C-alpha atoms as a PDB file:
ATOM      1  CA  UNK A   1      25.279 108.794 -56.392  1.00  0.00           C
ATOM      2  CA  UNK A   2      24.487 106.200 -53.936  1.00  0.00           C
ATOM      3  CA  UNK A   3      26.749 103.386 -53.324  1.00  0.00           C
ATOM      4  CA  UNK A   4      25.512 100.112 -51.962  1.00  0.00           C
ATOM      5  CA  UNK A   5      27.980  97.637 -50.708  1.00  0.00           C
ATOM      6  CA  UNK A   6      26.510  94.228 -51.115  1.00  0.00           C
ATOM      7  CA  UNK A   7      29.646  92.375 -50.154  1.00  0.00           C
ATOM      8  CA  UNK A   8      30.097  93.632 -46.635  1.00  0.00           C
ATOM      9  CA  UNK A   9      29.270  90.314 -45.048  1.00  0.00           C
ATOM     10  CA  UNK A  10      31.884  88.360 -46.920  1.00  0.00           C
ATOM     11  CA  UNK A  11      34.701  89.195 -44.667  1.00  0.00           C
ATOM     12  CA  UNK A  12      32.806  89.064 -41.431  1.00  0.00           C
ATOM     13  CA  UNK A  13      32.462  86.050 -39.200  1.00  0.00           C
ATOM     14  CA  UNK A  14      28.977  84.553 -38.948  1.00  0.00           C
ATOM     15  CA  UNK A  15      27.194  85.117 -35.664  1.00  0.00           C
ATOM     16  CA  UNK A  16      27.072  81.985 -33.448  1.00  0.00           C
ATOM     17  CA  UNK A  17      23.741  81.037 -32.086  1.00  0.00           C
ATOM     18  CA  UNK A  18      23.786  81.017 -28.352  1.00  0.00           C
ATOM     19  CA  UNK A  19      22.172  78.743 -25.870  1.00  0.00           C
ATOM     20  CA  UNK A  20      19.239  81.066 -25.818  1.00  0.00           C
ATOM     21  CA  UNK A  21      18.579  80.546 -29.509  1.00  0.00           C
ATOM     22  CA  UNK A  22      18.980  76.722 -29.266  1.00  0.00           C
ATOM     23  CA  UNK A  23      16.819  76.451 -26.115  1.00  0.00           C
ATOM     24  CA  UNK A  24      13.610  76.062 -28.048  1.00  0.00           C
ATOM     25  CA  UNK A  25      15.083  73.369 -30.249  1.00  0.00           C
ATOM     26  CA  UNK A  26      16.440  71.481 -27.230  1.00  0.00           C
ATOM     27  CA  UNK A  27      13.137  71.895 -25.409  1.00  0.00           C
ATOM     28  CA  UNK A  28      11.283  70.609 -28.449  1.00  0.00           C
ATOM     29  CA  UNK A  29      13.626  67.584 -28.659  1.00  0.00           C
ATOM     30  CA  UNK A  30      13.205  66.827 -24.935  1.00  0.00           C
ATOM     31  CA  UNK A  31       9.406  67.104 -25.220  1.00  0.00           C
ATOM     32  CA  UNK A  32       9.408  64.861 -28.307  1.00  0.00           C
ATOM     33  CA  UNK A  33      11.624  62.360 -26.452  1.00  0.00           C
ATOM     34  CA  UNK A  34       9.304  62.398 -23.415  1.00  0.00           C
ATOM     35  CA  UNK A  35       6.241  61.909 -25.633  1.00  0.00           C
ATOM     36  CA  UNK A  36       7.958  58.994 -27.361  1.00  0.00           C
ATOM     37  CA  UNK A  37       8.890  57.441 -24.003  1.00  0.00           C
ATOM     38  CA  UNK A  38       5.350  57.959 -22.670  1.00  0.00           C
ATOM     39  CA  UNK A  39       3.919  56.412 -25.808  1.00  0.00           C
ATOM     40  CA  UNK A  40       6.263  53.436 -25.452  1.00  0.00           C
ATOM     41  CA  UNK A  41       5.417  52.994 -21.757  1.00  0.00           C
ATOM     42  CA  UNK A  42       1.728  53.370 -22.505  1.00  0.00           C
ATOM     43  CA  UNK A  43       1.904  50.755 -25.257  1.00  0.00           C
ATOM     44  CA  UNK A  44       3.842  48.432 -22.921  1.00  0.00           C
ATOM     45  CA  UNK A  45       1.315  48.939 -20.115  1.00  0.00           C
ATOM     46  CA  UNK A  46      -1.605  48.326 -22.506  1.00  0.00           C
ATOM     47  CA  UNK A  47       0.069  45.129 -23.635  1.00  0.00           C
ATOM     48  CA  UNK A  48       0.604  44.101 -20.022  1.00  0.00           C
ATOM     49  CA  UNK A  49      -3.042  44.905 -19.134  1.00  0.00           C
ATOM     50  CA  UNK A  50      -4.272  42.918 -22.124  1.00  0.00           C
ATOM     51  CA  UNK A  51      -2.103  39.967 -21.089  1.00  0.00           C
ATOM     52  CA  UNK A  52      -3.404  40.149 -17.498  1.00  0.00           C
ATOM     53  CA  UNK A  53      -7.031  40.350 -18.700  1.00  0.00           C
ATOM     54  CA  UNK A  54      -6.475  37.276 -20.883  1.00  0.00           C
ATOM     55  CA  UNK A  55      -4.965  35.482 -17.898  1.00  0.00           C
ATOM     56  CA  UNK A  56      -7.913  36.519 -15.695  1.00  0.00           C
ATOM     57  CA  UNK A  57     -10.414  35.240 -18.279  1.00  0.00           C
ATOM     58  CA  UNK A  58      -8.490  31.958 -18.552  1.00  0.00           C
ATOM     59  CA  UNK A  59      -8.468  31.540 -14.768  1.00  0.00           C
ATOM     60  CA  UNK A  60     -12.154  32.444 -14.573  1.00  0.00           C
ATOM     61  CA  UNK A  61     -12.982  29.777 -17.161  1.00  0.00           C
ATOM     62  CA  UNK A  62     -10.772  27.335 -15.297  1.00  0.00           C
ATOM     63  CA  UNK A  63     -12.544  28.176 -12.031  1.00  0.00           C
ATOM     64  CA  UNK A  64     -15.923  27.547 -13.674  1.00  0.00           C
ATOM     65  CA  UNK A  65     -14.708  24.188 -14.969  1.00  0.00           C
ATOM     66  CA  UNK A  66     -13.376  23.271 -11.515  1.00  0.00           C
ATOM     67  CA  UNK A  67     -16.748  24.102  -9.933  1.00  0.00           C
ATOM     68  CA  UNK A  68     -18.501  21.963 -12.549  1.00  0.00           C
ATOM     69  CA  UNK A  69     -16.106  19.089 -11.852  1.00  0.00           C
ATOM     70  CA  UNK A  70     -16.674  19.460  -8.097  1.00  0.00           C
ATOM     71  CA  UNK A  71     -20.456  19.366  -8.652  1.00  0.00           C
ATOM     72  CA  UNK A  72     -20.035  16.259 -10.808  1.00  0.00           C
ATOM     73  CA  UNK A  73     -17.854  14.709  -8.121  1.00  0.00           C
ATOM     74  CA  UNK A  74     -20.468  15.466  -5.467  1.00  0.00           C
ATOM     75  CA  UNK A  75     -23.206  13.901  -7.624  1.00  0.00           C
ATOM     76  CA  UNK A  76     -20.986  10.864  -8.242  1.00  0.00           C
ATOM     77  CA  UNK A  77     -20.381  10.494  -4.492  1.00  0.00           C
ATOM     78  CA  UNK A  78     -24.135  10.653  -3.864  1.00  0.00           C
ATOM     79  CA  UNK A  79     -24.693   7.968  -6.485  1.00  0.00           C
ATOM     80  CA  UNK A  80     -21.963   5.825  -4.947  1.00  0.00           C
ATOM     81  CA  UNK A  81     -23.583   6.196  -1.515  1.00  0.00           C
ATOM     82  CA  UNK A  82     -26.994   5.285  -2.933  1.00  0.00           C
ATOM     83  CA  UNK A  83     -25.570   2.266  -4.738  1.00  0.00           C
ATOM     84  CA  UNK A  84     -23.728   1.196  -1.584  1.00  0.00           C
ATOM     85  CA  UNK A  85     -26.954   1.419   0.422  1.00  0.00           C
ATOM     86  CA  UNK A  86     -28.805  -0.568  -2.223  1.00  0.00           C
ATOM     87  CA  UNK A  87     -26.027  -3.154  -2.367  1.00  0.00           C
ATOM     88  CA  UNK A  88     -26.050  -3.419   1.406  1.00  0.00           C
ATOM     89  CA  UNK A  89     -29.825  -3.875   1.546  1.00  0.00           C
ATOM     90  CA  UNK A  90     -30.359  -6.048  -1.517  1.00  0.00           C
ATOM     91  CA  UNK A  91     -29.973  -9.312   0.412  1.00  0.00           C
ATOM     92  CA  UNK A  92     -31.907  -8.092   3.439  1.00  0.00           C
ATOM     93  CA  UNK A  93     -35.296  -9.612   2.449  1.00  0.00           C
ATOM     94  CA  UNK A  94     -33.632 -12.963   1.865  1.00  0.00           C
ATOM     95  CA  UNK A  95     -31.757 -12.738   5.168  1.00  0.00           C
ATOM     96  CA  UNK A  96     -35.028 -11.899   6.954  1.00  0.00           C
ATOM     97  CA  UNK A  97     -36.775 -14.909   5.417  1.00  0.00           C
ATOM     98  CA  UNK A  98     -33.906 -17.232   6.356  1.00  0.00           C
ATOM     99  CA  UNK A  99     -33.892 -15.868   9.919  1.00  0.00           C
ATOM    100  CA  UNK A 100     -37.667 -16.343  10.240  1.00  0.00           C
ATOM    101  CA  UNK A 101     -37.445 -19.842   8.789  1.00  0.00           C
ATOM    102  CA  UNK A 102     -34.652 -20.827  11.167  1.00  0.00           C
ATOM    103  CA  UNK A 103     -36.401 -19.346  14.217  1.00  0.00           C
ATOM    104  CA  UNK A 104     -39.907 -20.728  13.540  1.00  0.00           C
ATOM    105  CA  UNK A 105     -40.817 -23.705  15.800  1.00  0.00           C
ATOM    106  CA  UNK A 106     -43.262 -26.432  14.708  1.00  0.00           C
ATOM    107  CA  UNK A 107     -46.353 -25.119  16.508  1.00  0.00           C
ATOM    108  CA  UNK A 108     -46.044 -21.504  15.249  1.00  0.00           C
ATOM    109  CA  UNK A 109     -47.108 -20.119  11.877  1.00  0.00           C
ATOM    110  CA  UNK A 110     -46.813 -16.611  10.472  1.00  0.00           C
ATOM    111  CA  UNK A 111     -49.871 -14.640   9.378  1.00  0.00           C
ATOM    112  CA  UNK A 112     -48.183 -11.391   8.413  1.00  0.00           C
ATOM    113  CA  UNK A 113     -44.611 -10.009   8.149  1.00  0.00           C
ATOM    114  CA  UNK A 114     -43.987  -6.332   7.451  1.00  0.00           C
ATOM    115  CA  UNK A 115     -40.721  -4.374   7.352  1.00  0.00           C
ATOM    116  CA  UNK A 116     -40.737  -0.659   8.103  1.00  0.00           C
ATOM    117  CA  UNK A 117     -37.402   1.135   8.190  1.00  0.00           C
ATOM    118  CA  UNK A 118     -35.268  -0.819  10.680  1.00  0.00           C
ATOM    119  CA  UNK A 119     -38.207  -2.654  12.269  1.00  0.00           C
ATOM    120  CA  UNK A 120     -39.851  -5.967  11.454  1.00  0.00           C
ATOM    121  CA  UNK A 121     -43.496  -6.439  12.503  1.00  0.00           C
ATOM    122  CA  UNK A 122     -44.515 -10.096  12.776  1.00  0.00           C
ATOM    123  CA  UNK A 123     -48.073 -11.329  13.291  1.00  0.00           C
ATOM    124  CA  UNK A 124     -48.281 -15.044  14.078  1.00  0.00           C
ATOM    125  CA  UNK A 125     -50.339 -17.776  15.686  1.00  0.00           C
ATOM    126  CA  UNK A 126     -49.338 -20.664  17.905  1.00  0.00           C
ATOM    127  CA  UNK A 127     -50.863 -23.800  19.376  1.00  0.00           C
ATOM    128  CA  UNK A 128     -49.210 -23.226  22.771  1.00  0.00           C
ATOM    129  CA  UNK A 129     -47.604 -20.490  24.839  1.00  0.00           C
ATOM    130  CA  UNK A 130     -44.235 -22.260  25.125  1.00  0.00           C
ATOM    131  CA  UNK A 131     -43.788 -22.181  21.332  1.00  0.00           C
ATOM    132  CA  UNK A 132     -44.165 -18.384  21.412  1.00  0.00           C
ATOM    133  CA  UNK A 133     -41.346 -18.141  23.958  1.00  0.00           C
ATOM    134  CA  UNK A 134     -39.157 -20.500  21.903  1.00  0.00           C
ATOM    135  CA  UNK A 135     -39.885 -18.425  18.765  1.00  0.00           C
ATOM    136  CA  UNK A 136     -38.862 -15.191  20.507  1.00  0.00           C
ATOM    137  CA  UNK A 137     -35.620 -16.740  21.832  1.00  0.00           C
ATOM    138  CA  UNK A 138     -34.833 -18.201  18.409  1.00  0.00           C
ATOM    139  CA  UNK A 139     -35.358 -14.768  16.807  1.00  0.00           C
ATOM    140  CA  UNK A 140     -32.929 -13.196  19.269  1.00  0.00           C
ATOM    141  CA  UNK A 141     -30.308 -15.769  18.322  1.00  0.00           C
ATOM    142  CA  UNK A 142     -30.426 -14.649  14.663  1.00  0.00           C
ATOM    143  CA  UNK A 143     -27.571 -12.309  13.644  1.00  0.00           C
ATOM    144  CA  UNK A 144     -29.902  -9.967  11.755  1.00  0.00           C
ATOM    145  CA  UNK A 145     -32.245  -9.317  14.712  1.00  0.00           C
ATOM    146  CA  UNK A 146     -31.165  -7.115  17.603  1.00  0.00           C
ATOM    147  CA  UNK A 147     -34.271  -6.984  19.835  1.00  0.00           C
ATOM    148  CA  UNK A 148     -37.677  -8.734  20.075  1.00  0.00           C
ATOM    149  CA  UNK A 149     -40.703  -7.543  22.053  1.00  0.00           C
ATOM    150  CA  UNK A 150     -44.470  -7.949  22.048  1.00  0.00           C
ATOM    151  CA  UNK A 151     -46.431  -5.270  20.236  1.00  0.00           C
ATOM    152  CA  UNK A 152     -49.663  -6.330  21.920  1.00  0.00           C
ATOM    153  CA  UNK A 153     -50.361  -9.135  24.327  1.00  0.00           C
ATOM    154  CA  UNK A 154     -51.223 -12.692  23.349  1.00  0.00           C
ATOM    155  CA  UNK A 155     -54.841 -13.362  22.415  1.00  0.00           C
ATOM    156  CA  UNK A 156     -56.323 -16.810  23.053  1.00  0.00           C
ATOM    157  CA  UNK A 157     -59.074 -18.136  20.772  1.00  0.00           C
ATOM    158  CA  UNK A 158     -60.758 -21.522  20.477  1.00  0.00           C
ATOM    159  CA  UNK A 159     -60.989 -23.063  17.053  1.00  0.00           C
ATOM    160  CA  UNK A 160     -62.716 -26.472  16.918  1.00  0.00           C
ATOM    161  CA  UNK A 161     -61.845 -27.319  20.500  1.00  0.00           C
ATOM    162  CA  UNK A 162     -58.178 -26.283  19.922  1.00  0.00           C
ATOM    163  CA  UNK A 163     -56.618 -23.288  21.682  1.00  0.00           C
ATOM    164  CA  UNK A 164     -54.913 -20.871  19.284  1.00  0.00           C
ATOM    165  CA  UNK A 165     -52.750 -18.049  20.566  1.00  0.00           C
ATOM    166  CA  UNK A 166     -52.384 -14.997  18.314  1.00  0.00           C
ATOM    167  CA  UNK A 167     -49.600 -12.484  18.911  1.00  0.00           C
ATOM    168  CA  UNK A 168     -47.683  -9.638  17.290  1.00  0.00           C
ATOM    169  CA  UNK A 169     -43.948  -9.095  17.743  1.00  0.00           C
ATOM    170  CA  UNK A 170     -41.760  -6.103  16.940  1.00  0.00           C
ATOM    171  CA  UNK A 171     -38.195  -6.998  15.984  1.00  0.00           C
ATOM    172  CA  UNK A 172     -35.468  -4.384  15.705  1.00  0.00           C
ATOM    173  CA  UNK A 173     -33.002  -5.227  12.943  1.00  0.00           C
ATOM    174  CA  UNK A 174     -29.252  -4.762  13.221  1.00  0.00           C
END
């Protein structure tokens, strides 16, 4: 007869698992903890990168708007300069006519007046030489005219027994 004792383990103390048996569980827990930390750091870094990309896009759009505003400002300054030049020169033809009218002596008459840039070309005729000299001195006394000189010499012609002197002056405007 064979006897089998099935109750032998009842009185015995259970074996304690040693560090060697728990090593794999601890290692698994440490690895799981590290993975969780890495995942958390990765998610945080992705969030930070996304935030920085949004900030970069915002600043890029802002930079584009600033450049557009600077271009608009430059165009506005050009328009202001053009308007200022036009405003400055709008009364110039009237001032020229007043200056010519004030400077013109009795024996001199104008045949042609032309303005080119900052120069006034005057073609005129006179009954005597002295009137030409008076006209030139009167022109120099005008505030709008800086310099007066002959373009060509004086030409003398006879018209019905009357001497007529034709001349051309160049006046530099201020």
